Amino acid sequence: MAGAAALPETEAVSVDKIRDLLFGNQMQDYDRRFANLEERFLQRLRDVESESTRNLGVFEANTKKQIESVAAQLREEKDARADAEKEIERTLRETIQSLEKRVRQMSDQLAQLERELGDRITQESQSLREELKRRNDDTRSVFDRTIAELGSSKTDRKLLAGLFAELAKCLSQDSGAPARGNGGDPVRPWQAG
């Protein structure tokens, strides 16, 4: 039995030798080819990995630049808006100050006009009072003089007509502004005596 078991081993070795003899060169050629293919595949894999790493680095750099550019643009826009808001606030403040100044000036002018108008009304009323007093005094003196003349002499028609004419003249001059006495009633010259 031991001889029978040894026989297949020698047969297996001899089959390998036969195969080596028949296909040995081809098998070595295939082994070289497979080794070359494996080496080229590994090299290509390393190249792809290197290129991917490089492309990823370029992509990251470009993305970072774009993000920084957008961030810088946003900062500039924010600064520009802040400057515009400050300018609007300054303009608004100046406009309000200008309007307040104009209102103060107009208020001062109005107060000045009120004072001037009050002074003018006071002067005009004083002047009118003095004029009315003068006319009243003139009328009273004419009337008193006429009454004195009437009292000292007899009444005649011509003198009475002159008295009424003088009285009518005084009344027509005073018809626009009747004179007032101390009690508030019109002063009648014939009652003054």
Protein backbone atom coordinates (compact mmCIF):
# COMPACT_ATOMS: atom_id res chain seq x y z
CA MET A 1 0.00 0.00 0.00
CA ALA A 2 2.77 2.30 0.71
CA GLY A 3 4.05 1.81 -2.77
CA ALA A 4 0.65 2.59 -4.21
CA ALA A 5 0.43 5.86 -2.30
CA ALA A 6 3.85 6.88 -3.45
CA LEU A 7 2.92 6.34 -7.00
CA PRO A 8 0.35 9.08 -7.28
CA GLU A 9 2.80 11.59 -5.82
CA THR A 10 5.37 10.82 -8.41
CA GLU A 11 2.68 10.99 -11.00
CA ALA A 12 1.64 14.40 -9.74
CA VAL A 13 5.23 15.58 -9.87
CA SER A 14 5.69 14.19 -13.30
CA VAL A 15 2.42 15.83 -14.46
CA ASP A 16 3.79 19.14 -13.19
CA LYS A 17 7.01 18.55 -15.02
CA ILE A 18 5.17 17.66 -18.17
CA ARG A 19 3.05 20.74 -17.81
CA ASP A 20 6.21 22.79 -17.20
CA LEU A 21 7.78 21.37 -20.25
CA LEU A 22 4.72 21.92 -22.38
CA PHE A 23 3.41 25.24 -21.01
CA GLY A 24 6.34 26.55 -18.92
CA ASN A 25 7.32 29.41 -21.19
CA GLN A 26 3.73 30.46 -21.69
CA MET A 27 3.04 30.31 -17.97
CA GLN A 28 6.05 32.47 -17.23
CA ASP A 29 4.94 34.85 -19.96
CA TYR A 30 1.43 34.95 -18.41
CA ASP A 31 2.92 35.53 -14.98
CA ARG A 32 5.01 38.44 -16.35
CA ARG A 33 1.99 39.86 -18.13
CA PHE A 34 -0.17 39.59 -15.01
CA ALA A 35 2.60 41.20 -12.96
CA ASN A 36 2.89 44.02 -15.53
CA LEU A 37 -0.88 44.47 -15.60
CA GLU A 38 -1.00 44.51 -11.83
CA GLU A 39 1.86 47.04 -11.72
CA ARG A 40 0.17 49.25 -14.37
CA PHE A 41 -3.16 48.95 -12.56
CA LEU A 42 -1.56 49.91 -9.25
CA GLN A 43 0.31 52.79 -10.94
CA ARG A 44 -2.92 53.97 -12.60
CA LEU A 45 -4.69 53.70 -9.26
CA ARG A 46 -1.93 55.77 -7.62
CA ASP A 47 -2.16 58.33 -10.48
CA VAL A 48 -5.94 58.57 -10.13
CA GLU A 49 -5.60 58.91 -6.37
CA SER A 50 -2.94 61.60 -6.77
CA GLU A 51 -4.98 63.44 -9.41
CA SER A 52 -8.11 63.20 -7.26
CA THR A 53 -6.20 64.57 -4.28
CA ARG A 54 -4.81 67.39 -6.42
CA ASN A 55 -8.25 68.16 -7.94
CA LEU A 56 -9.82 68.09 -4.50
CA GLY A 57 -7.15 70.49 -3.23
CA VAL A 58 -7.78 72.83 -6.19
CA PHE A 59 -11.54 72.58 -5.61
CA GLU A 60 -11.12 73.33 -1.91
CA ALA A 61 -8.83 76.29 -2.70
CA ASN A 62 -11.28 77.67 -5.30
CA THR A 63 -14.22 77.16 -2.96
CA LYS A 64 -12.35 78.86 -0.14
CA LYS A 65 -11.49 81.80 -2.44
CA GLN A 66 -15.10 82.11 -3.58
CA ILE A 67 -16.36 81.98 0.01
CA GLU A 68 -13.82 84.61 1.05
CA SER A 69 -14.81 86.75 -1.96
CA VAL A 70 -18.52 86.49 -1.12
CA ALA A 71 -17.76 87.23 2.55
CA ALA A 72 -15.68 90.27 1.56
CA GLN A 73 -18.46 91.46 -0.75
CA LEU A 74 -21.02 91.03 2.04
CA ARG A 75 -18.77 92.97 4.43
CA GLU A 76 -18.40 95.75 1.86
CA GLU A 77 -22.16 95.87 1.29
CA LYS A 78 -22.74 95.93 5.06
CA ASP A 79 -20.22 98.77 5.46
CA ALA A 80 -21.80 100.63 2.52
CA ARG A 81 -25.27 100.24 4.06
CA ALA A 82 -23.95 101.41 7.43
CA ASP A 83 -22.35 104.45 5.74
CA ALA A 84 -25.58 105.15 3.83
CA GLU A 85 -27.60 104.90 7.06
CA LYS A 86 -25.19 107.29 8.79
CA GLU A 87 -25.48 109.71 5.86
CA ILE A 88 -29.28 109.51 5.97
CA GLU A 89 -29.25 110.11 9.74
CA ARG A 90 -26.90 113.09 9.30
CA THR A 91 -29.05 114.56 6.50
CA LEU A 92 -32.21 114.03 8.54
CA ARG A 93 -30.62 115.64 11.60
CA GLU A 94 -29.49 118.64 9.53
CA THR A 95 -32.95 118.95 7.94
CA ILE A 96 -34.63 118.87 11.36
CA GLN A 97 -32.20 121.46 12.71
CA SER A 98 -32.80 123.67 9.67
CA LEU A 99 -36.58 123.36 10.06
CA GLU A 100 -36.36 124.12 13.79
CA LYS A 101 -34.24 127.18 13.01
CA ARG A 102 -36.78 128.34 10.39
CA VAL A 103 -39.63 127.83 12.87
CA ARG A 104 -37.76 129.84 15.52
CA GLN A 105 -37.07 132.63 13.00
CA MET A 106 -40.71 132.69 11.89
CA SER A 107 -41.84 132.69 15.52
CA ASP A 108 -39.50 135.60 16.27
CA GLN A 109 -40.75 137.46 13.18
CA LEU A 110 -44.36 136.83 14.19
CA ALA A 111 -43.68 138.08 17.73
CA GLN A 112 -41.96 141.17 16.27
CA LEU A 113 -44.94 141.80 13.96
CA GLU A 114 -47.34 141.40 16.89
CA ARG A 115 -45.34 143.92 18.92
CA GLU A 116 -45.18 146.36 16.02
CA LEU A 117 -48.89 145.94 15.30
CA GLY A 118 -49.74 146.43 18.99
CA ASP A 119 -47.57 149.56 19.12
CA ARG A 120 -49.15 150.88 15.94
CA ILE A 121 -52.68 150.19 17.19
CA THR A 122 -51.82 151.91 20.48
CA GLN A 123 -50.41 154.92 18.64
CA GLU A 124 -53.37 155.09 16.23
CA SER A 125 -55.91 154.78 19.04
CA GLN A 126 -54.06 157.43 21.06
CA SER A 127 -53.98 159.71 18.03
CA LEU A 128 -57.68 159.06 17.37
CA ARG A 129 -58.53 159.78 21.01
CA GLU A 130 -56.60 163.04 20.88
CA GLU A 131 -58.31 164.01 17.60
CA LEU A 132 -61.75 163.20 19.00
CA LYS A 133 -60.98 165.14 22.18
CA ARG A 134 -59.80 168.10 20.13
CA ARG A 135 -62.94 168.04 17.97
CA ASN A 136 -65.14 167.60 20.99
CA ASP A 137 -63.40 170.52 22.68
CA ASP A 138 -63.83 172.61 19.50
CA THR A 139 -67.51 171.72 19.27
CA ARG A 140 -68.06 172.41 22.95
CA SER A 141 -66.28 175.75 22.72
CA VAL A 142 -68.37 176.75 19.66
CA PHE A 143 -71.51 175.67 21.40
CA ASP A 144 -70.55 177.40 24.66
CA ARG A 145 -69.67 180.56 22.78
CA THR A 146 -72.96 180.45 20.92
CA ILE A 147 -74.91 179.88 24.10
CA ALA A 148 -73.04 182.75 25.73
CA GLU A 149 -73.88 184.98 22.79
CA LEU A 150 -77.48 183.87 22.94
CA GLY A 151 -77.61 184.49 26.63
CA SER A 152 -76.19 187.98 26.34
CA SER A 153 -78.36 189.11 23.50
CA LYS A 154 -81.76 188.40 22.16
CA THR A 155 -82.16 185.42 19.91
CA ASP A 156 -82.65 186.25 16.34
CA ARG A 157 -83.25 183.96 13.44
CA LYS A 158 -79.93 184.49 11.71
CA LEU A 159 -77.92 183.71 14.82
CA LEU A 160 -80.00 180.61 15.50
CA ALA A 161 -79.56 179.49 11.88
CA GLY A 162 -75.79 180.02 12.19
CA LEU A 163 -75.77 178.01 15.41
CA PHE A 164 -77.61 175.12 13.79
CA ALA A 165 -75.34 175.27 10.74
CA GLU A 166 -72.24 175.18 12.95
CA LEU A 167 -73.75 172.33 14.97
CA ALA A 168 -74.60 170.38 11.80
CA LYS A 169 -71.05 170.87 10.55
CA CYS A 170 -69.59 169.54 13.81
CA LEU A 171 -72.01 166.61 13.83
CA SER A 172 -71.20 165.68 10.23
CA GLN A 173 -67.46 165.67 11.04
CA ASP A 174 -68.00 163.47 14.11
CA SER A 175 -70.53 161.11 12.49
CA GLY A 176 -67.77 158.49 11.74
CA ALA A 177 -66.63 158.23 15.40
CA PRO A 178 -68.96 159.57 18.11
CA ALA A 179 -67.21 161.06 21.11
CA ARG A 180 -67.73 159.34 24.44
CA GLY A 181 -67.81 161.03 27.79
CA ASN A 182 -66.68 159.59 31.11
CA GLY A 183 -69.96 157.75 31.70
CA GLY A 184 -69.90 156.05 28.31
CA ASP A 185 -72.77 158.17 26.81
CA PRO A 186 -72.18 160.47 23.88
CA VAL A 187 -71.28 163.97 25.03
CA ARG A 188 -73.78 166.46 23.77
CA PRO A 189 -72.38 169.99 23.67
CA TRP A 190 -75.62 171.64 24.68
CA GLN A 191 -75.61 169.52 27.85
CA ALA A 192 -72.03 170.45 28.78
CA GLY A 193 -72.85 173.70 30.54
